[in-house]
Amino acid sequence: MMPESLGGWWDVDANLLEAIGADTVMPIRVAESSTNRNPTQFQRSAKSDAKHQTTDKSAYQEKNMTSSDFFSQYKNHRGLDNDDDEHWYAAQVDVVTTLPGLLKYIASSAAPKHQLMEAVGPTPSTSRHPVTLYFGAGERTTQLHYDSLENVVCLASGGTKTFALYDPVSSSKYLYIDRSVHGNFSPSNPTTPSPNHPMAKFALPSIVTLSVGDCLYLPVYWYHTVTSSDERTISINWWRSPNTQK
C-alpha cells in the first residue's frame, strides 16, 4: 500500500503545477477520441505527422507542451463525444529529468519500501527512467504490450486502474507475438479477437484493479493492458532492471 501521507496533495492540480513549474515542457501522448463511448485506445503509432511525432523514446504519437497549457486544457481533451478530437495523456513522463520538482513529494508519499524495491531489482542505468508519472482524465486503455524493466506501480490519486496481465509462458502462443515485427507489442486483442487473430480468445488474463493507495508489482515481460476509469488519475511507476536470468 501507498499511504496517503500527504493528505490528498495529489488530488489538487494547483499543487502539481506549482511543484512542476508552469513553463516545464512535458511530452503528452495524443490519441483520437473514441466516438462509441468505449475507452480511448492509446496505441503504438506507425507514422508521425506535422502536429504529433514519434521518437526513439516513445512509440506513441506525442506533442510537447508546457505544464500550464496541459493543466489548463486536459479536462477538455478527455475522450468524450463533445470533446476536441484529441485525447491527451501525460504518460510515462520521466520524473527525474523532466519533473524533478515532484521528487520530494513522491518521497513524502511513502514510496514502496526500500527492501521491496531491492528485491525487485537494481536501479536501471542512467539511460533508463527510474521513476515515471502517468496523469490523465477520461477512460483510456493501452495496447497490449510488455515492459523490458521490472515495474512497481502505485495509484496516487483518482478513480481506478485495471490491469489485464498475461503470463508469458501460458499465453504467448495465443498473442501472435513476433518481436521482429511488433517489438514489445502484440497485434491481438484478446477481449475482442479479430478474424486475423482468432486464437487470442484463449489467452486468459489475471485482472487486478488498483484503487488510490494500492500498488502492484508488474513482472518484466508480462504482456498487459492498462485501463483507467473516467476520473482524473495519477499513478507513479518505479522501474528496476531485471535479473539477467529472466
C-alpha atoms as a PDB file:
ATOM      1  CA  MET A   1       0.000   0.000   0.000  1.00  0.00           C
ATOM      2  CA  MET A   2       0.986   3.595  -0.634  1.00  0.00           C
ATOM      3  CA  PRO A   3      -0.120   5.541   2.483  1.00  0.00           C
ATOM      4  CA  GLU A   4      -1.916   8.841   1.862  1.00  0.00           C
ATOM      5  CA  SER A   5       0.699  10.665   3.945  1.00  0.00           C
ATOM      6  CA  LEU A   6       0.228  13.941   2.056  1.00  0.00           C
ATOM      7  CA  GLY A   7      -3.477  14.165   2.871  1.00  0.00           C
ATOM      8  CA  GLY A   8      -4.773  14.347  -0.703  1.00  0.00           C
ATOM      9  CA  TRP A   9      -1.966  16.567  -2.035  1.00  0.00           C
ATOM     10  CA  TRP A  10      -2.027  14.672  -5.353  1.00  0.00           C
ATOM     11  CA  ASP A  11      -5.734  15.469  -5.822  1.00  0.00           C
ATOM     12  CA  VAL A  12      -5.135  19.198  -6.398  1.00  0.00           C
ATOM     13  CA  ASP A  13      -3.912  20.346  -9.819  1.00  0.00           C
ATOM     14  CA  ALA A  14      -2.538  23.595  -8.390  1.00  0.00           C
ATOM     15  CA  ASN A  15      -0.191  21.643  -6.122  1.00  0.00           C
ATOM     16  CA  LEU A  16       1.278  19.725  -9.035  1.00  0.00           C
ATOM     17  CA  LEU A  17       1.570  22.766 -11.261  1.00  0.00           C
ATOM     18  CA  GLU A  18       3.456  24.680  -8.580  1.00  0.00           C
ATOM     19  CA  ALA A  19       5.830  21.771  -7.957  1.00  0.00           C
ATOM     20  CA  ILE A  20       6.417  21.047 -11.642  1.00  0.00           C
ATOM     21  CA  GLY A  21       6.710  24.669 -12.777  1.00  0.00           C
ATOM     22  CA  ALA A  22       4.356  26.356 -15.235  1.00  0.00           C
ATOM     23  CA  ASP A  23       6.942  26.575 -18.028  1.00  0.00           C
ATOM     24  CA  THR A  24       8.173  22.997 -17.782  1.00  0.00           C
ATOM     25  CA  VAL A  25       7.785  21.218 -21.127  1.00  0.00           C
ATOM     26  CA  MET A  26       6.164  17.785 -20.961  1.00  0.00           C
ATOM     27  CA  PRO A  27       5.688  15.065 -23.610  1.00  0.00           C
ATOM     28  CA  ILE A  28       1.936  14.415 -23.979  1.00  0.00           C
ATOM     29  CA  ARG A  29       0.552  11.340 -25.728  1.00  0.00           C
ATOM     30  CA  VAL A  30      -2.259  12.055 -28.151  1.00  0.00           C
ATOM     31  CA  ALA A  31      -4.957   9.695 -29.421  1.00  0.00           C
ATOM     32  CA  GLU A  32      -8.161  10.147 -31.388  1.00  0.00           C
ATOM     33  CA  SER A  33     -11.113  10.428 -29.027  1.00  0.00           C
ATOM     34  CA  SER A  34     -13.474   7.473 -29.032  1.00  0.00           C
ATOM     35  CA  THR A  35     -16.849   8.014 -30.704  1.00  0.00           C
ATOM     36  CA  ASN A  36     -18.552   4.905 -29.311  1.00  0.00           C
ATOM     37  CA  ARG A  37     -18.235   5.610 -25.567  1.00  0.00           C
ATOM     38  CA  ASN A  38     -15.517   2.981 -25.225  1.00  0.00           C
ATOM     39  CA  PRO A  39     -12.209   3.896 -23.589  1.00  0.00           C
ATOM     40  CA  THR A  40      -9.841   5.807 -25.873  1.00  0.00           C
ATOM     41  CA  GLN A  41      -7.253   3.471 -27.375  1.00  0.00           C
ATOM     42  CA  PHE A  42      -3.696   4.709 -26.945  1.00  0.00           C
ATOM     43  CA  GLN A  43      -1.912   2.556 -29.496  1.00  0.00           C
ATOM     44  CA  ARG A  44       1.525   2.333 -30.949  1.00  0.00           C
ATOM     45  CA  SER A  45       1.806   4.672 -33.938  1.00  0.00           C
ATOM     46  CA  ALA A  46       3.351   3.667 -37.228  1.00  0.00           C
ATOM     47  CA  LYS A  47       3.658   7.215 -38.510  1.00  0.00           C
ATOM     48  CA  SER A  48       4.160  10.815 -37.482  1.00  0.00           C
ATOM     49  CA  ASP A  49       2.503  13.961 -38.742  1.00  0.00           C
ATOM     50  CA  ALA A  50       3.125  17.685 -38.576  1.00  0.00           C
ATOM     51  CA  LYS A  51       1.369  18.085 -35.202  1.00  0.00           C
ATOM     52  CA  HIS A  52       2.485  14.879 -33.492  1.00  0.00           C
ATOM     53  CA  GLN A  53       5.626  12.818 -33.599  1.00  0.00           C
ATOM     54  CA  THR A  54       7.093   9.509 -32.581  1.00  0.00           C
ATOM     55  CA  THR A  55      10.632   9.432 -31.283  1.00  0.00           C
ATOM     56  CA  ASP A  56      13.247   6.914 -30.246  1.00  0.00           C
ATOM     57  CA  LYS A  57      11.912   7.404 -26.704  1.00  0.00           C
ATOM     58  CA  SER A  58       8.271   6.615 -27.475  1.00  0.00           C
ATOM     59  CA  ALA A  59       6.329   4.511 -29.949  1.00  0.00           C
ATOM     60  CA  TYR A  60       3.232   6.637 -29.414  1.00  0.00           C
ATOM     61  CA  GLN A  61       2.168   9.873 -31.051  1.00  0.00           C
ATOM     62  CA  GLU A  62       3.152  12.752 -28.797  1.00  0.00           C
ATOM     63  CA  LYS A  63       3.381  16.504 -28.712  1.00  0.00           C
ATOM     64  CA  ASN A  64       5.334  18.710 -26.342  1.00  0.00           C
ATOM     65  CA  MET A  65       3.535  21.366 -24.319  1.00  0.00           C
ATOM     66  CA  THR A  66       4.113  23.377 -21.186  1.00  0.00           C
ATOM     67  CA  SER A  67       2.635  22.066 -17.983  1.00  0.00           C
ATOM     68  CA  SER A  68       0.480  25.196 -17.663  1.00  0.00           C
ATOM     69  CA  ASP A  69      -1.077  24.510 -21.084  1.00  0.00           C
ATOM     70  CA  PHE A  70      -1.667  20.863 -20.223  1.00  0.00           C
ATOM     71  CA  PHE A  71      -3.236  21.522 -16.826  1.00  0.00           C
ATOM     72  CA  SER A  72      -5.482  24.269 -18.184  1.00  0.00           C
ATOM     73  CA  GLN A  73      -6.828  22.148 -21.047  1.00  0.00           C
ATOM     74  CA  TYR A  74      -6.566  18.413 -20.287  1.00  0.00           C
ATOM     75  CA  LYS A  75     -10.124  18.228 -18.928  1.00  0.00           C
ATOM     76  CA  ASN A  76     -11.359  19.366 -22.353  1.00  0.00           C
ATOM     77  CA  HIS A  77      -9.372  16.588 -24.039  1.00  0.00           C
ATOM     78  CA  ARG A  78     -10.560  13.509 -22.157  1.00  0.00           C
ATOM     79  CA  GLY A  79     -12.129  11.403 -24.901  1.00  0.00           C
ATOM     80  CA  LEU A  80     -15.774  12.446 -24.629  1.00  0.00           C
ATOM     81  CA  ASP A  81     -18.060  12.739 -27.645  1.00  0.00           C
ATOM     82  CA  ASN A  82     -18.282  16.505 -27.233  1.00  0.00           C
ATOM     83  CA  ASP A  83     -14.505  16.923 -26.894  1.00  0.00           C
ATOM     84  CA  ASP A  84     -11.989  18.046 -29.418  1.00  0.00           C
ATOM     85  CA  ASP A  85     -10.939  15.002 -31.455  1.00  0.00           C
ATOM     86  CA  GLU A  86      -7.790  14.620 -29.334  1.00  0.00           C
ATOM     87  CA  HIS A  87      -7.475  12.786 -26.038  1.00  0.00           C
ATOM     88  CA  TRP A  88      -4.413  13.906 -24.052  1.00  0.00           C
ATOM     89  CA  TYR A  89      -2.425  11.740 -21.650  1.00  0.00           C
ATOM     90  CA  ALA A  90       0.786  12.625 -19.818  1.00  0.00           C
ATOM     91  CA  ALA A  91       2.138   9.086 -19.845  1.00  0.00           C
ATOM     92  CA  GLN A  92       5.491   7.677 -18.727  1.00  0.00           C
ATOM     93  CA  VAL A  93       6.918  11.137 -18.038  1.00  0.00           C
ATOM     94  CA  ASP A  94      10.412  10.831 -16.555  1.00  0.00           C
ATOM     95  CA  VAL A  95      10.241  12.444 -13.121  1.00  0.00           C
ATOM     96  CA  VAL A  96      13.997  12.673 -12.540  1.00  0.00           C
ATOM     97  CA  THR A  97      14.821  14.553 -15.753  1.00  0.00           C
ATOM     98  CA  THR A  98      11.524  16.273 -16.641  1.00  0.00           C
ATOM     99  CA  LEU A  99       9.609  16.736 -13.367  1.00  0.00           C
ATOM    100  CA  PRO A 100      12.279  16.857 -10.635  1.00  0.00           C
ATOM    101  CA  GLY A 101      10.112  19.194  -8.547  1.00  0.00           C
ATOM    102  CA  LEU A 102       7.879  16.209  -7.766  1.00  0.00           C
ATOM    103  CA  LEU A 103      10.630  14.033  -6.291  1.00  0.00           C
ATOM    104  CA  LYS A 104      10.290  15.263  -2.706  1.00  0.00           C
ATOM    105  CA  TYR A 105       6.517  14.807  -2.826  1.00  0.00           C
ATOM    106  CA  ILE A 106       6.875  11.287  -4.163  1.00  0.00           C
ATOM    107  CA  ALA A 107       9.284  10.529  -1.311  1.00  0.00           C
ATOM    108  CA  SER A 108       6.817  12.046   1.185  1.00  0.00           C
ATOM    109  CA  SER A 109       4.045   9.829  -0.195  1.00  0.00           C
ATOM    110  CA  ALA A 110       5.757   6.761   1.248  1.00  0.00           C
ATOM    111  CA  ALA A 111       7.160   5.108  -1.845  1.00  0.00           C
ATOM    112  CA  PRO A 112       7.431   1.306  -1.803  1.00  0.00           C
ATOM    113  CA  LYS A 113       9.810   0.137   0.889  1.00  0.00           C
ATOM    114  CA  HIS A 114      13.499   0.086   0.005  1.00  0.00           C
ATOM    115  CA  GLN A 115      13.702  -3.630   0.813  1.00  0.00           C
ATOM    116  CA  LEU A 116      10.877  -4.365  -1.633  1.00  0.00           C
ATOM    117  CA  MET A 117      12.488  -2.412  -4.452  1.00  0.00           C
ATOM    118  CA  GLU A 118      15.862  -4.059  -3.862  1.00  0.00           C
ATOM    119  CA  ALA A 119      14.148  -7.446  -4.096  1.00  0.00           C
ATOM    120  CA  VAL A 120      12.544  -6.438  -7.402  1.00  0.00           C
ATOM    121  CA  GLY A 121      15.891  -5.455  -8.922  1.00  0.00           C
ATOM    122  CA  PRO A 122      18.656  -2.840  -9.093  1.00  0.00           C
ATOM    123  CA  THR A 123      18.083   0.741 -10.200  1.00  0.00           C
ATOM    124  CA  PRO A 124      18.342   0.903 -14.010  1.00  0.00           C
ATOM    125  CA  SER A 125      21.214   2.635 -15.752  1.00  0.00           C
ATOM    126  CA  THR A 126      21.144   6.392 -16.157  1.00  0.00           C
ATOM    127  CA  SER A 127      19.862   5.954 -19.713  1.00  0.00           C
ATOM    128  CA  ARG A 128      16.613   4.490 -18.371  1.00  0.00           C
ATOM    129  CA  HIS A 129      13.897   6.184 -16.317  1.00  0.00           C
ATOM    130  CA  PRO A 130      13.799   5.027 -12.652  1.00  0.00           C
ATOM    131  CA  VAL A 131      10.547   6.875 -11.745  1.00  0.00           C
ATOM    132  CA  THR A 132       7.756   7.936 -14.108  1.00  0.00           C
ATOM    133  CA  LEU A 133       4.411   9.702 -13.797  1.00  0.00           C
ATOM    134  CA  TYR A 134       1.118   8.921 -15.569  1.00  0.00           C
ATOM    135  CA  PHE A 135      -1.547  11.651 -15.435  1.00  0.00           C
ATOM    136  CA  GLY A 136      -4.818  11.975 -17.329  1.00  0.00           C
ATOM    137  CA  ALA A 137      -8.586  12.044 -17.288  1.00  0.00           C
ATOM    138  CA  GLY A 138     -11.264  10.182 -19.201  1.00  0.00           C
ATOM    139  CA  GLU A 139     -11.463   6.456 -19.842  1.00  0.00           C
ATOM    140  CA  ARG A 140      -8.392   5.256 -21.708  1.00  0.00           C
ATOM    141  CA  THR A 141      -6.629   1.991 -22.353  1.00  0.00           C
ATOM    142  CA  THR A 142      -3.282   0.881 -23.686  1.00  0.00           C
ATOM    143  CA  GLN A 143      -2.396  -1.524 -26.439  1.00  0.00           C
ATOM    144  CA  LEU A 144      -1.322  -4.976 -25.297  1.00  0.00           C
ATOM    145  CA  HIS A 145       2.428  -4.862 -24.613  1.00  0.00           C
ATOM    146  CA  TYR A 146       5.192  -5.882 -22.236  1.00  0.00           C
ATOM    147  CA  ASP A 147       7.839  -3.789 -20.473  1.00  0.00           C
ATOM    148  CA  SER A 148      11.538  -4.628 -20.555  1.00  0.00           C
ATOM    149  CA  LEU A 149      12.024  -3.458 -16.948  1.00  0.00           C
ATOM    150  CA  GLU A 150      10.551  -4.643 -13.665  1.00  0.00           C
ATOM    151  CA  ASN A 151       7.799  -2.291 -12.535  1.00  0.00           C
ATOM    152  CA  VAL A 152       6.044  -1.326  -9.313  1.00  0.00           C
ATOM    153  CA  VAL A 153       3.071   0.968  -9.952  1.00  0.00           C
ATOM    154  CA  CYS A 154       1.104   2.849  -7.280  1.00  0.00           C
ATOM    155  CA  LEU A 155      -2.117   4.811  -7.766  1.00  0.00           C
ATOM    156  CA  ALA A 156      -1.668   8.176  -6.022  1.00  0.00           C
ATOM    157  CA  SER A 157      -4.929   9.894  -6.983  1.00  0.00           C
ATOM    158  CA  GLY A 158      -8.204   9.390  -8.788  1.00  0.00           C
ATOM    159  CA  GLY A 159     -10.523   6.513  -9.531  1.00  0.00           C
ATOM    160  CA  THR A 160      -9.134   3.134 -10.561  1.00  0.00           C
ATOM    161  CA  LYS A 161      -6.690   1.493 -12.924  1.00  0.00           C
ATOM    162  CA  THR A 162      -7.347  -2.050 -14.132  1.00  0.00           C
ATOM    163  CA  PHE A 163      -4.532  -4.271 -15.347  1.00  0.00           C
ATOM    164  CA  ALA A 164      -5.104  -7.343 -17.514  1.00  0.00           C
ATOM    165  CA  LEU A 165      -1.947  -9.433 -17.053  1.00  0.00           C
ATOM    166  CA  TYR A 166      -0.927 -12.283 -19.344  1.00  0.00           C
ATOM    167  CA  ASP A 167       1.560 -14.872 -18.132  1.00  0.00           C
ATOM    168  CA  PRO A 168       4.189 -15.018 -20.909  1.00  0.00           C
ATOM    169  CA  VAL A 169       4.606 -18.776 -20.569  1.00  0.00           C
ATOM    170  CA  SER A 170       0.970 -19.852 -20.860  1.00  0.00           C
ATOM    171  CA  SER A 171      -0.342 -17.005 -23.031  1.00  0.00           C
ATOM    172  CA  SER A 172       2.404 -16.216 -25.533  1.00  0.00           C
ATOM    173  CA  LYS A 173       1.271 -18.788 -28.100  1.00  0.00           C
ATOM    174  CA  TYR A 174      -2.148 -17.095 -28.269  1.00  0.00           C
ATOM    175  CA  LEU A 175      -0.969 -13.480 -28.572  1.00  0.00           C
ATOM    176  CA  TYR A 176       0.575 -13.689 -32.064  1.00  0.00           C
ATOM    177  CA  ILE A 177       3.921 -12.489 -30.780  1.00  0.00           C
ATOM    178  CA  ASP A 178       6.610 -11.667 -33.318  1.00  0.00           C
ATOM    179  CA  ARG A 179       9.173  -9.355 -31.739  1.00  0.00           C
ATOM    180  CA  SER A 180      10.975  -8.854 -35.041  1.00  0.00           C
ATOM    181  CA  VAL A 181       7.796  -7.237 -36.405  1.00  0.00           C
ATOM    182  CA  HIS A 182       5.917  -5.862 -33.391  1.00  0.00           C
ATOM    183  CA  GLY A 183       8.663  -5.278 -30.823  1.00  0.00           C
ATOM    184  CA  ASN A 184       7.192  -5.349 -27.308  1.00  0.00           C
ATOM    185  CA  PHE A 185       3.605  -5.018 -28.569  1.00  0.00           C
ATOM    186  CA  SER A 186       1.050  -7.640 -29.551  1.00  0.00           C
ATOM    187  CA  PRO A 187      -1.193  -7.072 -32.593  1.00  0.00           C
ATOM    188  CA  SER A 188      -4.022  -9.039 -30.988  1.00  0.00           C
ATOM    189  CA  ASN A 189      -6.842  -8.024 -28.681  1.00  0.00           C
ATOM    190  CA  PRO A 190      -7.940 -10.983 -26.521  1.00  0.00           C
ATOM    191  CA  THR A 191     -11.144  -9.252 -25.374  1.00  0.00           C
ATOM    192  CA  THR A 192     -12.410  -8.754 -28.944  1.00  0.00           C
ATOM    193  CA  PRO A 193     -10.323 -11.023 -31.203  1.00  0.00           C
ATOM    194  CA  SER A 194     -10.200 -10.068 -34.863  1.00  0.00           C
ATOM    195  CA  PRO A 195     -10.541 -12.630 -37.682  1.00  0.00           C
ATOM    196  CA  ASN A 196      -6.770 -12.324 -38.138  1.00  0.00           C
ATOM    197  CA  HIS A 197      -6.106 -13.374 -34.537  1.00  0.00           C
ATOM    198  CA  PRO A 198      -8.820 -15.929 -33.629  1.00  0.00           C
ATOM    199  CA  MET A 199      -6.665 -17.789 -31.071  1.00  0.00           C
ATOM    200  CA  ALA A 200      -6.362 -14.660 -28.913  1.00  0.00           C
ATOM    201  CA  LYS A 201      -9.627 -15.571 -27.181  1.00  0.00           C
ATOM    202  CA  PHE A 202      -7.777 -18.407 -25.425  1.00  0.00           C
ATOM    203  CA  ALA A 203      -5.322 -16.038 -23.718  1.00  0.00           C
ATOM    204  CA  LEU A 204      -6.734 -15.759 -20.199  1.00  0.00           C
ATOM    205  CA  PRO A 205      -5.632 -12.739 -18.141  1.00  0.00           C
ATOM    206  CA  SER A 206      -5.324 -12.145 -14.436  1.00  0.00           C
ATOM    207  CA  ILE A 207      -7.322  -8.980 -13.665  1.00  0.00           C
ATOM    208  CA  VAL A 208      -6.080  -6.559 -10.993  1.00  0.00           C
ATOM    209  CA  THR A 209      -7.827  -3.266 -10.191  1.00  0.00           C
ATOM    210  CA  LEU A 210      -5.946  -0.604  -8.229  1.00  0.00           C
ATOM    211  CA  SER A 211      -7.702   1.995  -6.075  1.00  0.00           C
ATOM    212  CA  VAL A 212      -5.980   5.010  -4.527  1.00  0.00           C
ATOM    213  CA  GLY A 213      -3.147   3.842  -2.270  1.00  0.00           C
ATOM    214  CA  ASP A 214      -2.792   0.420  -3.933  1.00  0.00           C
ATOM    215  CA  CYS A 215       0.445  -0.772  -5.516  1.00  0.00           C
ATOM    216  CA  LEU A 216       1.132  -3.588  -7.978  1.00  0.00           C
ATOM    217  CA  TYR A 217       4.317  -5.411  -8.890  1.00  0.00           C
ATOM    218  CA  LEU A 218       4.265  -5.936 -12.655  1.00  0.00           C
ATOM    219  CA  PRO A 219       6.878  -8.501 -13.701  1.00  0.00           C
ATOM    220  CA  VAL A 220       9.147  -7.885 -16.660  1.00  0.00           C
ATOM    221  CA  TYR A 221       7.989  -9.422 -19.986  1.00  0.00           C
ATOM    222  CA  TRP A 222       4.393  -9.954 -18.850  1.00  0.00           C
ATOM    223  CA  TYR A 223       2.033  -8.710 -21.554  1.00  0.00           C
ATOM    224  CA  HIS A 224      -0.634  -6.391 -20.192  1.00  0.00           C
ATOM    225  CA  THR A 225      -3.169  -3.684 -20.883  1.00  0.00           C
ATOM    226  CA  VAL A 226      -3.997  -0.838 -18.507  1.00  0.00           C
ATOM    227  CA  THR A 227      -7.467   0.719 -18.453  1.00  0.00           C
ATOM    228  CA  SER A 228      -8.112   3.900 -16.455  1.00  0.00           C
ATOM    229  CA  SER A 229     -11.516   4.929 -15.135  1.00  0.00           C
ATOM    230  CA  ASP A 230     -13.144   8.181 -16.208  1.00  0.00           C
ATOM    231  CA  GLU A 231     -11.917  10.116 -13.181  1.00  0.00           C
ATOM    232  CA  ARG A 232      -8.680  12.097 -13.195  1.00  0.00           C
ATOM    233  CA  THR A 233      -5.962   9.636 -12.210  1.00  0.00           C
ATOM    234  CA  ILE A 234      -2.293   9.865 -11.254  1.00  0.00           C
ATOM    235  CA  SER A 235      -0.042   6.850 -10.953  1.00  0.00           C
ATOM    236  CA  ILE A 236       3.661   6.634 -10.149  1.00  0.00           C
ATOM    237  CA  ASN A 237       5.877   3.875 -11.502  1.00  0.00           C
ATOM    238  CA  TRP A 238       9.188   2.711 -10.086  1.00  0.00           C
ATOM    239  CA  TRP A 239      11.344   0.796 -12.602  1.00  0.00           C
ATOM    240  CA  ARG A 240      14.114  -1.693 -11.892  1.00  0.00           C
ATOM    241  CA  SER A 241      16.492  -3.698 -14.065  1.00  0.00           C
ATOM    242  CA  PRO A 242      15.516  -7.370 -14.439  1.00  0.00           C
ATOM    243  CA  ASN A 243      17.564 -10.299 -13.305  1.00  0.00           C
ATOM    244  CA  THR A 244      19.677 -11.386 -16.276  1.00  0.00           C
ATOM    245  CA  GLN A 245      18.400 -14.948 -15.903  1.00  0.00           C
ATOM    246  CA  LYS A 246      14.934 -13.738 -16.946  1.00  0.00           C
END
